[in-house]
PDB file of N, CA and C in Angstrom:
ATOM      1  N   MET A   1      11.119  56.896-165.400  1.00  0.00           N
ATOM      2  CA  MET A   1      10.404  55.716-165.810  1.00  0.00           C
ATOM      3  C   MET A   1      11.204  55.008-166.894  1.00  0.00           C
ATOM      4  N   ASP A   2      11.272  53.719-166.820  1.00  0.00           N
ATOM      5  CA  ASP A   2      11.934  52.925-167.850  1.00  0.00           C
ATOM      6  C   ASP A   2      11.001  52.802-169.047  1.00  0.00           C
ATOM      7  N   TYR A   3      11.511  53.112-170.218  1.00  0.00           N
ATOM      8  CA  TYR A   3      10.715  53.108-171.442  1.00  0.00           C
ATOM      9  C   TYR A   3      10.163  51.729-171.781  1.00  0.00           C
ATOM     10  N   ASP A   4      10.973  50.712-171.625  1.00  0.00           N
ATOM     11  CA  ASP A   4      10.568  49.359-172.027  1.00  0.00           C
ATOM     12  C   ASP A   4       9.579  48.715-171.052  1.00  0.00           C
ATOM     13  N   THR A   5       9.779  48.926-169.766  1.00  0.00           N
ATOM     14  CA  THR A   5       8.960  48.234-168.767  1.00  0.00           C
ATOM     15  C   THR A   5       7.889  49.121-168.139  1.00  0.00           C
ATOM     16  N   ASN A   6       7.994  50.428-168.322  1.00  0.00           N
ATOM     17  CA  ASN A   6       7.116  51.406-167.667  1.00  0.00           C
ATOM     18  C   ASN A   6       7.270  51.393-166.152  1.00  0.00           C
ATOM     19  N   ASP A   7       8.370  50.836-165.657  1.00  0.00           N
ATOM     20  CA  ASP A   7       8.630  50.834-164.219  1.00  0.00           C
ATOM     21  C   ASP A   7       9.119  52.213-163.781  1.00  0.00           C
ATOM     22  N   ILE A   8       8.648  52.655-162.626  1.00  0.00           N
ATOM     23  CA  ILE A   8       9.160  53.885-162.027  1.00  0.00           C
ATOM     24  C   ILE A   8      10.450  53.513-161.307  1.00  0.00           C
ATOM     25  N   LEU A   9      11.546  54.161-161.685  1.00  0.00           N
ATOM     26  CA  LEU A   9      12.857  53.808-161.146  1.00  0.00           C
ATOM     27  C   LEU A   9      13.215  54.607-159.901  1.00  0.00           C
ATOM     28  N   HIS A  10      12.719  55.823-159.807  1.00  0.00           N
ATOM     29  CA  HIS A  10      13.014  56.647-158.637  1.00  0.00           C
ATOM     30  C   HIS A  10      12.054  57.820-158.584  1.00  0.00           C
ATOM     31  N   VAL A  11      11.665  58.180-157.385  1.00  0.00           N
ATOM     32  CA  VAL A  11      10.853  59.369-157.170  1.00  0.00           C
ATOM     33  C   VAL A  11      11.543  60.186-156.093  1.00  0.00           C
ATOM     34  N   ALA A  12      11.727  61.470-156.359  1.00  0.00           N
ATOM     35  CA  ALA A  12      12.352  62.354-155.375  1.00  0.00           C
ATOM     36  C   ALA A  12      11.327  63.376-154.912  1.00  0.00           C
ATOM     37  N   VAL A  13      11.304  63.616-153.616  1.00  0.00           N
ATOM     38  CA  VAL A  13      10.429  64.632-153.042  1.00  0.00           C
ATOM     39  C   VAL A  13      11.316  65.736-152.494  1.00  0.00           C
ATOM     40  N   VAL A  14      11.065  66.958-152.962  1.00  0.00           N
ATOM     41  CA  VAL A  14      11.875  68.093-152.536  1.00  0.00           C
ATOM     42  C   VAL A  14      10.949  69.161-151.975  1.00  0.00           C
ATOM     43  N   ASP A  15      11.289  69.669-150.826  1.00  0.00           N
ATOM     44  CA  ASP A  15      10.553  70.759-150.195  1.00  0.00           C
ATOM     45  C   ASP A  15      11.251  72.062-150.539  1.00  0.00           C
ATOM     46  N   LYS A  16      10.490  73.125-150.754  1.00  0.00           N
ATOM     47  CA  LYS A  16      11.138  74.377-151.153  1.00  0.00           C
ATOM     48  C   LYS A  16      12.072  74.929-150.080  1.00  0.00           C
ATOM     49  N   ARG A  17      11.957  74.446-148.850  1.00  0.00           N
ATOM     50  CA  ARG A  17      12.914  74.868-147.815  1.00  0.00           C
ATOM     51  C   ARG A  17      14.304  74.302-148.092  1.00  0.00           C
ATOM     52  N   GLN A  18      14.379  73.236-148.910  1.00  0.00           N
ATOM     53  CA  GLN A  18      15.666  72.644-149.255  1.00  0.00           C
ATOM     54  C   GLN A  18      16.376  73.423-150.362  1.00  0.00           C
ATOM     55  N   VAL A  19      15.653  74.288-151.056  1.00  0.00           N
ATOM     56  CA  VAL A  19      16.221  74.984-152.212  1.00  0.00           C
ATOM     57  C   VAL A  19      16.061  76.499-152.077  1.00  0.00           C
ATOM     58  N   GLY A  20      16.278  76.992-150.871  1.00  0.00           N
ATOM     59  CA  GLY A  20      16.250  78.435-150.642  1.00  0.00           C
ATOM     60  C   GLY A  20      14.875  79.055-150.783  1.00  0.00           C
ATOM     61  N   LEU A  21      13.826  78.296-150.491  1.00  0.00           N
ATOM     62  CA  LEU A  21      12.433  78.768-150.555  1.00  0.00           C
ATOM     63  C   LEU A  21      12.017  79.221-151.950  1.00  0.00           C
ATOM     64  N   LYS A  22      12.663  78.677-152.957  1.00  0.00           N
ATOM     65  CA  LYS A  22      12.340  79.033-154.339  1.00  0.00           C
ATOM     66  C   LYS A  22      11.774  77.797-155.031  1.00  0.00           C
ATOM     67  N   SER A  23      10.466  77.790-155.209  1.00  0.00           N
ATOM     68  CA  SER A  23       9.831  76.603-155.774  1.00  0.00           C
ATOM     69  C   SER A  23      10.297  76.261-157.190  1.00  0.00           C
ATOM     70  N   PRO A  24      10.707  77.235-158.049  1.00  0.00           N
ATOM     71  CA  PRO A  24      11.223  76.826-159.361  1.00  0.00           C
ATOM     72  C   PRO A  24      12.486  75.957-159.273  1.00  0.00           C
ATOM     73  N   ASN A  25      13.211  76.032-158.166  1.00  0.00           N
ATOM     74  CA  ASN A  25      14.428  75.236-157.996  1.00  0.00           C
ATOM     75  C   ASN A  25      14.143  73.795-157.592  1.00  0.00           C
ATOM     76  N   MET A  26      12.907  73.511-157.177  1.00  0.00           N
ATOM     77  CA  MET A  26      12.585  72.166-156.703  1.00  0.00           C
ATOM     78  C   MET A  26      12.682  71.132-157.818  1.00  0.00           C
ATOM     79  N   GLU A  27      12.215  71.474-159.011  1.00  0.00           N
ATOM     80  CA  GLU A  27      12.218  70.509-160.113  1.00  0.00           C
ATOM     81  C   GLU A  27      13.638  70.093-160.476  1.00  0.00           C
ATOM     82  N   LYS A  28      14.552  71.065-160.550  1.00  0.00           N
ATOM     83  CA  LYS A  28      15.942  70.734-160.879  1.00  0.00           C
ATOM     84  C   LYS A  28      16.571  69.890-159.769  1.00  0.00           C
ATOM     85  N   ALA A  29      16.335  70.257-158.515  1.00  0.00           N
ATOM     86  CA  ALA A  29      16.920  69.511-157.395  1.00  0.00           C
ATOM     87  C   ALA A  29      16.424  68.069-157.383  1.00  0.00           C
ATOM     88  N   ALA A  30      15.132  67.872-157.620  1.00  0.00           N
ATOM     89  CA  ALA A  30      14.579  66.506-157.652  1.00  0.00           C
ATOM     90  C   ALA A  30      15.135  65.729-158.833  1.00  0.00           C
ATOM     91  N   PHE A  31      15.283  66.405-159.972  1.00  0.00           N
ATOM     92  CA  PHE A  31      15.835  65.738-161.152  1.00  0.00           C
ATOM     93  C   PHE A  31      17.267  65.276-160.891  1.00  0.00           C
ATOM     94  N   ILE A  32      18.093  66.152-160.348  1.00  0.00           N
ATOM     95  CA  ILE A  32      19.498  65.806-160.084  1.00  0.00           C
ATOM     96  C   ILE A  32      19.581  64.667-159.072  1.00  0.00           C
ATOM     97  N   GLU A  33      18.751  64.707-158.036  1.00  0.00           N
ATOM     98  CA  GLU A  33      18.756  63.629-157.041  1.00  0.00           C
ATOM     99  C   GLU A  33      18.387  62.292-157.690  1.00  0.00           C
ATOM    100  N   SER A  34      17.365  62.304-158.529  1.00  0.00           N
ATOM    101  CA  SER A  34      16.939  61.065-159.191  1.00  0.00           C
ATOM    102  C   SER A  34      18.007  60.535-160.137  1.00  0.00           C
ATOM    103  N   LEU A  35      18.574  61.414-160.946  1.00  0.00           N
ATOM    104  CA  LEU A  35      19.619  60.996-161.881  1.00  0.00           C
ATOM    105  C   LEU A  35      20.821  60.426-161.136  1.00  0.00           C
ATOM    106  N   GLN A  36      21.215  61.084-160.055  1.00  0.00           N
ATOM    107  CA  GLN A  36      22.355  60.619-159.272  1.00  0.00           C
ATOM    108  C   GLN A  36      22.070  59.254-158.641  1.00  0.00           C
ATOM    109  N   THR A  37      20.844  59.062-158.157  1.00  0.00           N
ATOM    110  CA  THR A  37      20.474  57.774-157.567  1.00  0.00           C
ATOM    111  C   THR A  37      20.566  56.656-158.596  1.00  0.00           C
ATOM    112  N   LEU A  38      20.078  56.908-159.803  1.00  0.00           N
ATOM    113  CA  LEU A  38      20.162  55.899-160.862  1.00  0.00           C
ATOM    114  C   LEU A  38      21.616  55.568-161.181  1.00  0.00           C
ATOM    115  N   GLN A  39      22.427  56.602-161.327  1.00  0.00           N
ATOM    116  CA  GLN A  39      23.838  56.390-161.667  1.00  0.00           C
ATOM    117  C   GLN A  39      24.584  55.705-160.527  1.00  0.00           C
ATOM    118  N   ASP A  40      24.253  56.052-159.288  1.00  0.00           N
ATOM    119  CA  ASP A  40      24.888  55.406-158.135  1.00  0.00           C
ATOM    120  C   ASP A  40      24.550  53.913-158.065  1.00  0.00           C
ATOM    121  N   ASN A  41      23.430  53.527-158.672  1.00  0.00           N
ATOM    122  CA  ASN A  41      23.013  52.122-158.698  1.00  0.00           C
ATOM    123  C   ASN A  41      23.389  51.446-160.010  1.00  0.00           C
ATOM    124  N   ASN A  42      24.399  52.001-160.659  1.00  0.00           N
ATOM    125  CA  ASN A  42      24.995  51.429-161.870  1.00  0.00           C
ATOM    126  C   ASN A  42      24.044  51.322-163.065  1.00  0.00           C
ATOM    127  N   LEU A  43      23.050  52.194-163.121  1.00  0.00           N
ATOM    128  CA  LEU A  43      22.208  52.267-164.311  1.00  0.00           C
ATOM    129  C   LEU A  43      22.831  53.271-165.266  1.00  0.00           C
ATOM    130  N   VAL A  44      22.903  52.905-166.511  1.00  0.00           N
ATOM    131  CA  VAL A  44      23.451  53.803-167.523  1.00  0.00           C
ATOM    132  C   VAL A  44      22.281  54.576-168.133  1.00  0.00           C
ATOM    133  N   VAL A  45      22.290  55.875-167.934  1.00  0.00           N
ATOM    134  CA  VAL A  45      21.229  56.731-168.470  1.00  0.00           C
ATOM    135  C   VAL A  45      21.716  57.278-169.804  1.00  0.00           C
ATOM    136  N   LYS A  46      21.026  56.907-170.870  1.00  0.00           N
ATOM    137  CA  LYS A  46      21.429  57.328-172.208  1.00  0.00           C
ATOM    138  C   LYS A  46      20.611  58.506-172.706  1.00  0.00           C
ATOM    139  N   GLU A  47      19.354  58.571-172.306  1.00  0.00           N
ATOM    140  CA  GLU A  47      18.484  59.649-172.770  1.00  0.00           C
ATOM    141  C   GLU A  47      17.508  60.029-171.666  1.00  0.00           C
ATOM    142  N   VAL A  48      17.202  61.317-171.599  1.00  0.00           N
ATOM    143  CA  VAL A  48      16.235  61.837-170.645  1.00  0.00           C
ATOM    144  C   VAL A  48      15.243  62.679-171.429  1.00  0.00           C
ATOM    145  N   VAL A  49      13.958  62.485-171.150  1.00  0.00           N
ATOM    146  CA  VAL A  49      12.909  63.286-171.776  1.00  0.00           C
ATOM    147  C   VAL A  49      12.225  64.081-170.674  1.00  0.00           C
ATOM    148  N   THR A  50      12.231  65.401-170.831  1.00  0.00           N
ATOM    149  CA  THR A  50      11.617  66.285-169.832  1.00  0.00           C
ATOM    150  C   THR A  50      10.798  67.351-170.538  1.00  0.00           C
ATOM    151  N   ASP A  51      10.116  68.153-169.726  1.00  0.00           N
ATOM    152  CA  ASP A  51       9.496  69.338-170.283  1.00  0.00           C
ATOM    153  C   ASP A  51      10.611  70.348-170.566  1.00  0.00           C
ATOM    154  N   ALA A  52      10.269  71.541-170.906  1.00  0.00           N
ATOM    155  CA  ALA A  52      11.287  72.518-171.324  1.00  0.00           C
ATOM    156  C   ALA A  52      11.836  73.333-170.154  1.00  0.00           C
ATOM    157  N   HIS A  53      11.992  72.724-169.003  1.00  0.00           N
ATOM    158  CA  HIS A  53      12.493  73.437-167.823  1.00  0.00           C
ATOM    159  C   HIS A  53      13.905  73.946-168.102  1.00  0.00           C
ATOM    160  N   PRO A  54      14.118  75.267-168.073  1.00  0.00           N
ATOM    161  CA  PRO A  54      15.413  75.826-168.494  1.00  0.00           C
ATOM    162  C   PRO A  54      16.614  75.377-167.657  1.00  0.00           C
ATOM    163  N   SER A  55      16.443  75.228-166.351  1.00  0.00           N
ATOM    164  CA  SER A  55      17.605  74.850-165.538  1.00  0.00           C
ATOM    165  C   SER A  55      17.958  73.373-165.734  1.00  0.00           C
ATOM    166  N   ILE A  56      16.981  72.524-166.003  1.00  0.00           N
ATOM    167  CA  ILE A  56      17.282  71.121-166.298  1.00  0.00           C
ATOM    168  C   ILE A  56      17.961  71.024-167.653  1.00  0.00           C
ATOM    169  N   ARG A  57      17.467  71.793-168.620  1.00  0.00           N
ATOM    170  CA  ARG A  57      18.097  71.818-169.947  1.00  0.00           C
ATOM    171  C   ARG A  57      19.567  72.240-169.828  1.00  0.00           C
ATOM    172  N   ALA A  58      19.837  73.278-169.056  1.00  0.00           N
ATOM    173  CA  ALA A  58      21.214  73.756-168.873  1.00  0.00           C
ATOM    174  C   ALA A  58      22.065  72.696-168.176  1.00  0.00           C
ATOM    175  N   TYR A  59      21.496  72.033-167.171  1.00  0.00           N
ATOM    176  CA  TYR A  59      22.231  70.992-166.460  1.00  0.00           C
ATOM    177  C   TYR A  59      22.603  69.845-167.397  1.00  0.00           C
ATOM    178  N   LEU A  60      21.657  69.424-168.231  1.00  0.00           N
ATOM    179  CA  LEU A  60      21.914  68.293-169.123  1.00  0.00           C
ATOM    180  C   LEU A  60      22.899  68.635-170.235  1.00  0.00           C
ATOM    181  N   LYS A  61      23.048  69.903-170.570  1.00  0.00           N
ATOM    182  CA  LYS A  61      24.071  70.297-171.552  1.00  0.00           C
ATOM    183  C   LYS A  61      25.469  69.991-171.027  1.00  0.00           C
ATOM    184  N   GLN A  62      25.601  69.927-169.704  1.00  0.00           N
ATOM    185  CA  GLN A  62      26.889  69.631-169.077  1.00  0.00           C
ATOM    186  C   GLN A  62      27.126  68.118-168.963  1.00  0.00           C
ATOM    187  N   GLN A  63      26.164  67.314-169.389  1.00  0.00           N
ATOM    188  CA  GLN A  63      26.261  65.854-169.306  1.00  0.00           C
ATOM    189  C   GLN A  63      26.385  65.304-170.728  1.00  0.00           C
ATOM    190  N   PRO A  64      27.582  65.243-171.286  1.00  0.00           N
ATOM    191  CA  PRO A  64      27.738  64.882-172.697  1.00  0.00           C
ATOM    192  C   PRO A  64      27.298  63.455-173.047  1.00  0.00           C
ATOM    193  N   ASP A  65      27.225  62.567-172.085  1.00  0.00           N
ATOM    194  CA  ASP A  65      26.850  61.175-172.373  1.00  0.00           C
ATOM    195  C   ASP A  65      25.339  60.941-172.335  1.00  0.00           C
ATOM    196  N   ILE A  66      24.568  61.995-172.026  1.00  0.00           N
ATOM    197  CA  ILE A  66      23.114  61.852-171.913  1.00  0.00           C
ATOM    198  C   ILE A  66      22.441  62.730-172.965  1.00  0.00           C
ATOM    199  N   ASP A  67      21.626  62.105-173.801  1.00  0.00           N
ATOM    200  CA  ASP A  67      20.834  62.864-174.772  1.00  0.00           C
ATOM    201  C   ASP A  67      19.602  63.414-174.067  1.00  0.00           C
ATOM    202  N   HIS A  68      19.254  64.652-174.388  1.00  0.00           N
ATOM    203  CA  HIS A  68      18.075  65.272-173.792  1.00  0.00           C
ATOM    204  C   HIS A  68      17.056  65.558-174.881  1.00  0.00           C
ATOM    205  N   SER A  69      15.845  65.072-174.671  1.00  0.00           N
ATOM    206  CA  SER A  69      14.742  65.341-175.586  1.00  0.00           C
ATOM    207  C   SER A  69      13.630  66.027-174.818  1.00  0.00           C
ATOM    208  N   SER A  70      12.875  66.847-175.535  1.00  0.00           N
ATOM    209  CA  SER A  70      11.744  67.527-174.908  1.00  0.00           C
ATOM    210  C   SER A  70      10.466  66.727-175.130  1.00  0.00           C
ATOM    211  N   ASP A  71       9.632  66.739-174.124  1.00  0.00           N
ATOM    212  CA  ASP A  71       8.344  66.070-174.180  1.00  0.00           C
ATOM    213  C   ASP A  71       7.463  66.763-175.215  1.00  0.00           C
ATOM    214  N   VAL A  72       6.994  66.033-176.220  1.00  0.00           N
ATOM    215  CA  VAL A  72       6.224  66.645-177.301  1.00  0.00           C
ATOM    216  C   VAL A  72       4.856  67.125-176.831  1.00  0.00           C
ATOM    217  N   TRP A  73       4.341  66.572-175.750  1.00  0.00           N
ATOM    218  CA  TRP A  73       3.040  67.006-175.251  1.00  0.00           C
ATOM    219  C   TRP A  73       3.068  68.487-174.902  1.00  0.00           C
ATOM    220  N   HIS A  74       4.133  68.921-174.238  1.00  0.00           N
ATOM    221  CA  HIS A  74       4.223  70.328-173.853  1.00  0.00           C
ATOM    222  C   HIS A  74       4.314  71.230-175.086  1.00  0.00           C
ATOM    223  N   GLY A  75       5.084  70.802-176.069  1.00  0.00           N
ATOM    224  CA  GLY A  75       5.193  71.590-177.292  1.00  0.00           C
ATOM    225  C   GLY A  75       3.869  71.686-178.020  1.00  0.00           C
ATOM    226  N   ALA A  76       3.157  70.577-178.114  1.00  0.00           N
ATOM    227  CA  ALA A  76       1.854  70.575-178.777  1.00  0.00           C
ATOM    228  C   ALA A  76       0.862  71.449-178.029  1.00  0.00           C
ATOM    229  N   LYS A  77       0.912  71.408-176.730  1.00  0.00           N
ATOM    230  CA  LYS A  77       0.019  72.235-175.917  1.00  0.00           C
ATOM    231  C   LYS A  77       0.284  73.714-176.174  1.00  0.00           C
ATOM    232  N   ASN A  78       1.552  74.083-176.243  1.00  0.00           N
ATOM    233  CA  ASN A  78       1.893  75.490-176.479  1.00  0.00           C
ATOM    234  C   ASN A  78       1.490  75.941-177.880  1.00  0.00           C
ATOM    235  N   ILE A  79       1.657  75.072-178.870  1.00  0.00           N
ATOM    236  CA  ILE A  79       1.252  75.419-180.236  1.00  0.00           C
ATOM    237  C   ILE A  79      -0.259  75.606-180.306  1.00  0.00           C
ATOM    238  N   ALA A  80      -1.004  74.704-179.682  1.00  0.00           N
ATOM    239  CA  ALA A  80      -2.463  74.808-179.684  1.00  0.00           C
ATOM    240  C   ALA A  80      -2.912  76.092-178.997  1.00  0.00           C
ATOM    241  N   LYS A  81      -2.246  76.452-177.924  1.00  0.00           N
ATOM    242  CA  LYS A  81      -2.580  77.674-177.201  1.00  0.00           C
ATOM    243  C   LYS A  81      -2.343  78.897-178.073  1.00  0.00           C
ATOM    244  N   LYS A  82      -1.215  78.928-178.773  1.00  0.00           N
ATOM    245  CA  LYS A  82      -0.896  80.057-179.651  1.00  0.00           C
ATOM    246  C   LYS A  82      -1.851  80.132-180.831  1.00  0.00           C
ATOM    247  N   MET A  83      -2.231  78.991-181.371  1.00  0.00           N
ATOM    248  CA  MET A  83      -3.173  78.971-182.486  1.00  0.00           C
ATOM    249  C   MET A  83      -4.545  79.468-182.045  1.00  0.00           C
ATOM    250  N   ALA A  84      -4.949  79.108-180.844  1.00  0.00           N
ATOM    251  CA  ALA A  84      -6.238  79.560-180.319  1.00  0.00           C
ATOM    252  C   ALA A  84      -6.250  81.081-180.128  1.00  0.00           C
ATOM    253  N   GLU A  85      -5.113  81.630-179.736  1.00  0.00           N
ATOM    254  CA  GLU A  85      -5.021  83.082-179.560  1.00  0.00           C
ATOM    255  C   GLU A  85      -5.158  83.820-180.883  1.00  0.00           C
ATOM    256  N   VAL A  86      -4.600  83.229-181.945  1.00  0.00           N
ATOM    257  CA  VAL A  86      -4.661  83.857-183.269  1.00  0.00           C
ATOM    258  C   VAL A  86      -6.075  83.775-183.797  1.00  0.00           C
TER     259      VAL A  86
END
């Protein structure tokens, strides 16, 4: 989604049969497809905000021109959950 316009720039649909029947791999595959589509259409991606998906985080570490930020909603949800347990 574009931050300024709230326009959805690309949506990728991935079936787990495309990623070795492993559903955790679907999120990374869809992310890479979307990022590649944006870049192929000459959009410069400067920052990406995602949840804390470990394989996406690892992938973005290999992309030095793209800043990666974590979605604060997920962090707040986890903190609230831990506080409730205490």
